[in-house]
């Protein structure tokens, strides 16, 4: 890893302090504590780490998670996934969920075409605050970050954010599907949005990349209009059911071409120009 130049570090530090004063009370040296419940929700325990793509605000509560450990070590998380998205994004927008603390955001922002955007979604409150700081640290003007989970339509849902011991699960936060999960784990109520509601109809979508802990079917159901119009490449961590995808989205139709890291990759049968 090439360490950022001193001037770049000073710039990032100024951005962080400016953002913290305006938006958040940030405690960079806060000890590890339970995130939910039982702590001051205004205080964010985090640290700043760097890799070749930029700077990241990493939540201390989930610093033992694989993505966080990778970034804290100065490495790039899932470099092959980022390379795949770079090859496939063409001149269109990228939809990215869940954003976690922004571990993909600096790289995705820079591989976009000049007029393209990254539409990022993160429902976990702590993760969202960290991702917001990551966006600010790197000055990512083409990233639209929303505090919401993705689903089939707008609404609310319970999100599990900690394990039975009260430890934050970071990028493993998931929409609870049954009452048993709610009783066993800490959870918060979060907003749910759909891709079709959030991404304007006139925006060309080239890639949809989802790491939403088993909620991919709901998120894709909320993106049918965008998928039929633009035939984006789909990069899905927890969905490899090609038959469901073909039944649900016969137009443009999809085929599975393989796996990169833990993500299944589906490409359209119909070229994007013909799909719209």
Protein backbone atom coordinates (compact mmCIF):
# COMPACT_ATOMS: atom_id res chain seq x y z
CA UNK A 1 0.00 0.00 0.00
CA UNK A 2 1.21 3.48 -0.82
CA UNK A 3 0.59 5.78 2.15
CA UNK A 4 -1.21 9.03 1.33
CA UNK A 5 1.02 12.08 1.08
CA UNK A 6 1.16 14.33 4.18
CA UNK A 7 -0.80 17.03 2.35
CA UNK A 8 -3.54 14.52 1.48
CA UNK A 9 -3.70 13.40 5.11
CA UNK A 10 -4.08 17.01 6.25
CA UNK A 11 -6.86 17.57 3.72
CA UNK A 12 -8.70 14.47 4.91
CA UNK A 13 -8.29 15.51 8.55
CA UNK A 14 -9.73 18.96 7.81
CA UNK A 15 -12.71 17.39 6.00
CA UNK A 16 -13.37 15.04 8.92
CA UNK A 17 -13.25 17.83 11.51
CA UNK A 18 -15.47 20.09 9.40
CA UNK A 19 -18.00 17.29 8.90
CA UNK A 20 -17.95 16.34 12.59
CA UNK A 21 -18.59 19.90 13.72
CA UNK A 22 -21.51 20.34 11.36
CA UNK A 23 -23.20 16.97 11.46
CA UNK A 24 -21.96 14.62 14.20
CA UNK A 25 -20.37 14.28 17.61
CA UNK A 26 -17.51 11.95 16.71
CA UNK A 27 -15.27 10.30 19.30
CA UNK A 28 -12.36 8.76 17.40
CA UNK A 29 -10.86 7.23 20.54
CA UNK A 30 -14.04 5.82 22.02
CA UNK A 31 -13.61 2.37 23.61
CA UNK A 32 -15.55 -0.56 22.29
CA UNK A 33 -19.10 -0.47 23.63
CA UNK A 34 -22.45 -1.96 22.81
CA UNK A 35 -23.97 -0.07 19.95
CA UNK A 36 -27.62 -0.92 20.68
CA UNK A 37 -29.03 -0.16 23.17
CA UNK A 38 -27.44 1.41 26.27
CA UNK A 39 -25.08 4.03 24.84
CA UNK A 40 -25.35 7.64 23.84
CA UNK A 41 -26.53 7.41 20.22
CA UNK A 42 -24.97 10.80 19.45
CA UNK A 43 -21.44 9.52 20.12
CA UNK A 44 -19.88 7.57 17.26
CA UNK A 45 -16.92 5.34 18.12
CA UNK A 46 -14.82 5.10 14.98
CA UNK A 47 -11.35 5.37 13.49
CA UNK A 48 -10.00 6.50 10.12
CA UNK A 49 -8.12 4.06 7.89
CA UNK A 50 -6.63 4.32 4.41
CA UNK A 51 -5.96 2.22 1.33
CA UNK A 52 -5.07 2.98 -2.28
CA UNK A 53 -8.60 4.26 -3.04
CA UNK A 54 -8.95 6.73 -0.18
CA UNK A 55 -9.92 7.17 3.47
CA UNK A 56 -12.58 5.33 5.47
CA UNK A 57 -14.45 5.89 8.72
CA UNK A 58 -14.51 2.43 10.31
CA UNK A 59 -16.92 1.75 13.20
CA UNK A 60 -15.09 0.40 16.24
CA UNK A 61 -18.08 -1.70 17.24
CA UNK A 62 -17.59 -4.00 14.24
CA UNK A 63 -13.85 -3.70 13.66
CA UNK A 64 -13.43 -7.49 13.85
CA UNK A 65 -15.62 -7.98 10.77
CA UNK A 66 -13.68 -9.14 7.66
CA UNK A 67 -14.30 -6.00 5.57
CA UNK A 68 -13.31 -3.73 8.45
CA UNK A 69 -10.17 -5.74 9.20
CA UNK A 70 -9.15 -5.58 5.54
CA UNK A 71 -9.52 -1.79 5.36
CA UNK A 72 -7.81 -1.29 8.74
CA UNK A 73 -4.85 -3.26 7.36
CA UNK A 74 -4.64 -0.89 4.38
CA UNK A 75 -5.98 -3.46 1.91
CA UNK A 76 -8.81 -3.29 -0.64
CA UNK A 77 -11.94 -5.25 0.24
CA UNK A 78 -13.05 -7.55 -2.60
CA UNK A 79 -10.77 -6.12 -5.29
CA UNK A 80 -12.03 -8.59 -7.91
CA UNK A 81 -15.62 -7.45 -7.35
CA UNK A 82 -14.55 -3.85 -7.87
CA UNK A 83 -12.66 -4.84 -11.03
CA UNK A 84 -15.75 -6.61 -12.39
CA UNK A 85 -17.94 -3.56 -11.73
CA UNK A 86 -15.34 -1.35 -13.41
CA UNK A 87 -15.48 -3.48 -16.56
CA UNK A 88 -19.27 -3.62 -16.63
CA UNK A 89 -20.44 -0.17 -15.54
CA UNK A 90 -19.92 1.47 -18.97
CA UNK A 91 -21.48 4.97 -18.94
CA UNK A 92 -24.30 4.17 -16.53
CA UNK A 93 -25.04 4.47 -12.82
CA UNK A 94 -24.17 1.92 -10.13
CA UNK A 95 -26.64 0.84 -7.44
CA UNK A 96 -24.80 -0.38 -4.35
CA UNK A 97 -26.32 -1.85 -1.15
CA UNK A 98 -25.50 -2.30 1.69
CA UNK A 99 -22.84 0.29 1.82
CA UNK A 100 -21.60 -0.65 5.35
CA UNK A 101 -19.10 2.08 6.34
CA UNK A 102 -18.38 2.90 2.69
CA UNK A 103 -15.76 0.21 2.04
CA UNK A 104 -16.63 0.27 -1.70
CA UNK A 105 -17.60 3.92 -2.10
CA UNK A 106 -14.28 5.66 -2.94
CA UNK A 107 -13.48 3.03 -5.59
CA UNK A 108 -17.00 3.00 -7.07
CA UNK A 109 -17.06 6.79 -7.22
CA UNK A 110 -13.85 6.88 -9.24
CA UNK A 111 -14.75 4.17 -11.76
CA UNK A 112 -18.00 5.89 -12.74
CA UNK A 113 -18.26 7.68 -16.07
CA UNK A 114 -18.12 11.50 -15.80
CA UNK A 115 -21.90 12.03 -15.63
CA UNK A 116 -22.74 8.79 -13.82
CA UNK A 117 -23.64 8.33 -10.14
CA UNK A 118 -23.41 5.77 -7.38
CA UNK A 119 -26.74 5.20 -5.59
CA UNK A 120 -25.76 3.75 -2.22
CA UNK A 121 -28.03 2.41 0.54
CA UNK A 122 -27.25 1.53 4.16
CA UNK A 123 -29.94 0.92 6.81
CA UNK A 124 -27.80 0.41 9.94
CA UNK A 125 -27.66 3.81 11.71
CA UNK A 126 -24.05 3.49 12.87
CA UNK A 127 -22.86 2.18 9.52
CA UNK A 128 -24.70 4.96 7.72
CA UNK A 129 -23.03 7.64 9.83
CA UNK A 130 -19.62 6.12 9.12
CA UNK A 131 -20.40 5.85 5.39
CA UNK A 132 -21.45 9.52 5.41
CA UNK A 133 -18.07 10.45 6.88
CA UNK A 134 -16.28 8.27 4.31
CA UNK A 135 -18.11 10.17 1.57
CA UNK A 136 -17.11 13.50 3.16
CA UNK A 137 -13.47 12.49 3.71
CA UNK A 138 -13.04 11.67 0.04
CA UNK A 139 -15.20 14.46 -1.38
CA UNK A 140 -17.36 11.99 -3.33
CA UNK A 141 -19.73 14.33 -5.13
CA UNK A 142 -21.20 11.64 -7.41
CA UNK A 143 -22.36 9.40 -4.54
CA UNK A 144 -26.00 9.58 -3.44
CA UNK A 145 -26.07 7.87 -0.05
CA UNK A 146 -29.44 7.05 1.50
CA UNK A 147 -30.18 5.85 5.03
CA UNK A 148 -32.51 2.99 4.12
CA UNK A 149 -32.77 -0.69 3.38
CA UNK A 150 -33.82 -1.83 -0.07
CA UNK A 151 -37.10 -3.67 -0.54
CA UNK A 152 -40.02 -4.12 -2.90
CA UNK A 153 -41.66 -0.84 -1.83
CA UNK A 154 -41.39 1.97 0.69
CA UNK A 155 -42.07 1.21 4.34
CA UNK A 156 -40.37 0.26 7.60
CA UNK A 157 -38.82 -2.95 8.90
CA UNK A 158 -36.89 -4.23 11.96
CA UNK A 159 -33.14 -4.50 11.33
CA UNK A 160 -30.99 -6.78 13.50
CA UNK A 161 -27.83 -4.81 14.32
CA UNK A 162 -26.16 -6.81 17.12
CA UNK A 163 -25.65 -10.42 18.16
CA UNK A 164 -26.91 -12.04 21.37
CA UNK A 165 -23.92 -10.67 23.30
CA UNK A 166 -24.69 -7.13 22.16
CA UNK A 167 -21.75 -6.92 19.76
CA UNK A 168 -22.37 -4.91 16.59
CA UNK A 169 -22.52 -7.10 13.50
CA UNK A 170 -21.67 -4.32 11.07
CA UNK A 171 -22.15 -5.43 7.48
CA UNK A 172 -24.02 -8.50 8.71
CA UNK A 173 -27.01 -6.39 9.80
CA UNK A 174 -30.15 -7.94 8.32
CA UNK A 175 -33.87 -7.41 8.10
CA UNK A 176 -35.53 -9.70 10.67
CA UNK A 177 -37.93 -12.16 9.07
CA UNK A 178 -39.51 -13.59 12.22
CA UNK A 179 -40.27 -12.63 15.81
CA UNK A 180 -37.76 -15.15 17.17
CA UNK A 181 -34.90 -13.19 15.62
CA UNK A 182 -36.20 -10.01 17.24
CA UNK A 183 -36.31 -11.54 20.71
CA UNK A 184 -32.83 -13.00 20.41
CA UNK A 185 -31.00 -9.94 19.06
CA UNK A 186 -30.88 -6.17 19.33
CA UNK A 187 -32.72 -4.44 16.52
CA UNK A 188 -33.84 -1.03 15.32
CA UNK A 189 -36.68 0.09 13.08
CA UNK A 190 -35.39 1.36 9.73
CA UNK A 191 -36.78 2.89 6.58
CA UNK A 192 -37.21 0.68 3.51
CA UNK A 193 -37.02 2.10 -0.02
CA UNK A 194 -37.09 0.67 -3.53
CA UNK A 195 -34.61 1.24 -6.33
CA UNK A 196 -37.37 2.28 -8.71
CA UNK A 197 -38.55 4.94 -6.24
CA UNK A 198 -35.07 6.31 -5.50
CA UNK A 199 -33.35 6.22 -8.90
CA UNK A 200 -35.03 8.57 -11.40
CA UNK A 201 -36.49 6.82 -14.43
CA UNK A 202 -34.20 8.72 -16.79
CA UNK A 203 -30.99 7.53 -15.10
CA UNK A 204 -29.29 4.70 -16.96
CA UNK A 205 -28.42 1.89 -14.53
CA UNK A 206 -25.53 -0.34 -15.63
CA UNK A 207 -24.81 -2.37 -12.47
CA UNK A 208 -26.86 -3.39 -9.43
CA UNK A 209 -24.63 -4.79 -6.69
CA UNK A 210 -26.42 -6.11 -3.61
CA UNK A 211 -25.06 -7.37 -0.31
CA UNK A 212 -28.29 -7.19 1.67
CA UNK A 213 -28.04 -10.36 3.75
CA UNK A 214 -30.71 -12.46 2.07
CA UNK A 215 -33.05 -9.61 1.11
CA UNK A 216 -32.05 -9.66 -2.56
CA UNK A 217 -35.38 -10.91 -3.88
CA UNK A 218 -37.26 -8.06 -2.25
CA UNK A 219 -34.68 -5.51 -3.42
CA UNK A 220 -34.82 -6.79 -7.02
CA UNK A 221 -38.61 -6.81 -6.98
CA UNK A 222 -38.40 -3.11 -6.18
CA UNK A 223 -36.13 -2.58 -9.20
CA UNK A 224 -38.16 -4.25 -11.95
CA UNK A 225 -38.78 -1.02 -13.85
CA UNK A 226 -35.07 -0.14 -13.89
CA UNK A 227 -34.06 -3.69 -14.79
CA UNK A 228 -36.49 -3.94 -17.71
CA UNK A 229 -35.45 -0.55 -19.05
CA UNK A 230 -31.66 -0.79 -18.69
CA UNK A 231 -30.78 -4.51 -18.35
CA UNK A 232 -28.04 -3.93 -15.76
CA UNK A 233 -25.48 -6.52 -14.72
CA UNK A 234 -26.49 -8.01 -11.35
CA UNK A 235 -23.88 -8.77 -8.69
CA UNK A 236 -25.61 -10.59 -5.82
CA UNK A 237 -24.01 -12.05 -2.73
CA UNK A 238 -26.91 -14.07 -1.33
CA UNK A 239 -28.94 -15.02 -4.40
CA UNK A 240 -27.92 -17.62 -6.95
CA UNK A 241 -31.40 -18.83 -7.94
CA UNK A 242 -31.35 -18.38 -11.71
CA UNK A 243 -34.81 -19.90 -12.15
CA UNK A 244 -36.38 -17.35 -9.81
CA UNK A 245 -34.62 -14.55 -11.65
CA UNK A 246 -35.75 -15.82 -15.06
CA UNK A 247 -39.36 -16.21 -13.89
CA UNK A 248 -39.47 -12.83 -12.19
CA UNK A 249 -37.66 -10.95 -14.93
CA UNK A 250 -38.20 -12.65 -18.29
CA UNK A 251 -37.34 -9.30 -19.89
CA UNK A 252 -34.45 -8.76 -20.39
CA UNK A 253 -33.75 -12.32 -19.18
CA UNK A 254 -30.57 -13.28 -17.35
CA UNK A 255 -27.89 -15.94 -17.32
CA UNK A 256 -25.40 -16.68 -14.56
CA UNK A 257 -21.77 -16.38 -15.68
CA UNK A 258 -19.92 -17.22 -12.49
CA UNK A 259 -18.84 -16.03 -9.10
CA UNK A 260 -16.38 -13.38 -7.93
CA UNK A 261 -15.38 -13.47 -4.27
CA UNK A 262 -18.73 -14.41 -2.65
CA UNK A 263 -20.88 -12.71 -5.30
CA UNK A 264 -22.89 -14.37 -8.07
CA UNK A 265 -22.79 -12.50 -11.37
CA UNK A 266 -25.76 -12.40 -13.77
CA UNK A 267 -25.67 -10.74 -17.18
CA UNK A 268 -28.67 -9.93 -19.42
CA UNK A 269 -29.62 -12.07 -22.40
CA UNK A 270 -30.98 -8.96 -24.12
CA UNK A 271 -28.49 -6.17 -24.81
CA UNK A 272 -29.20 -3.01 -22.80
CA UNK A 273 -30.08 -0.95 -25.88
CA UNK A 274 -32.77 -3.45 -26.87
CA UNK A 275 -34.09 -3.95 -23.34
CA UNK A 276 -35.49 -0.43 -23.06
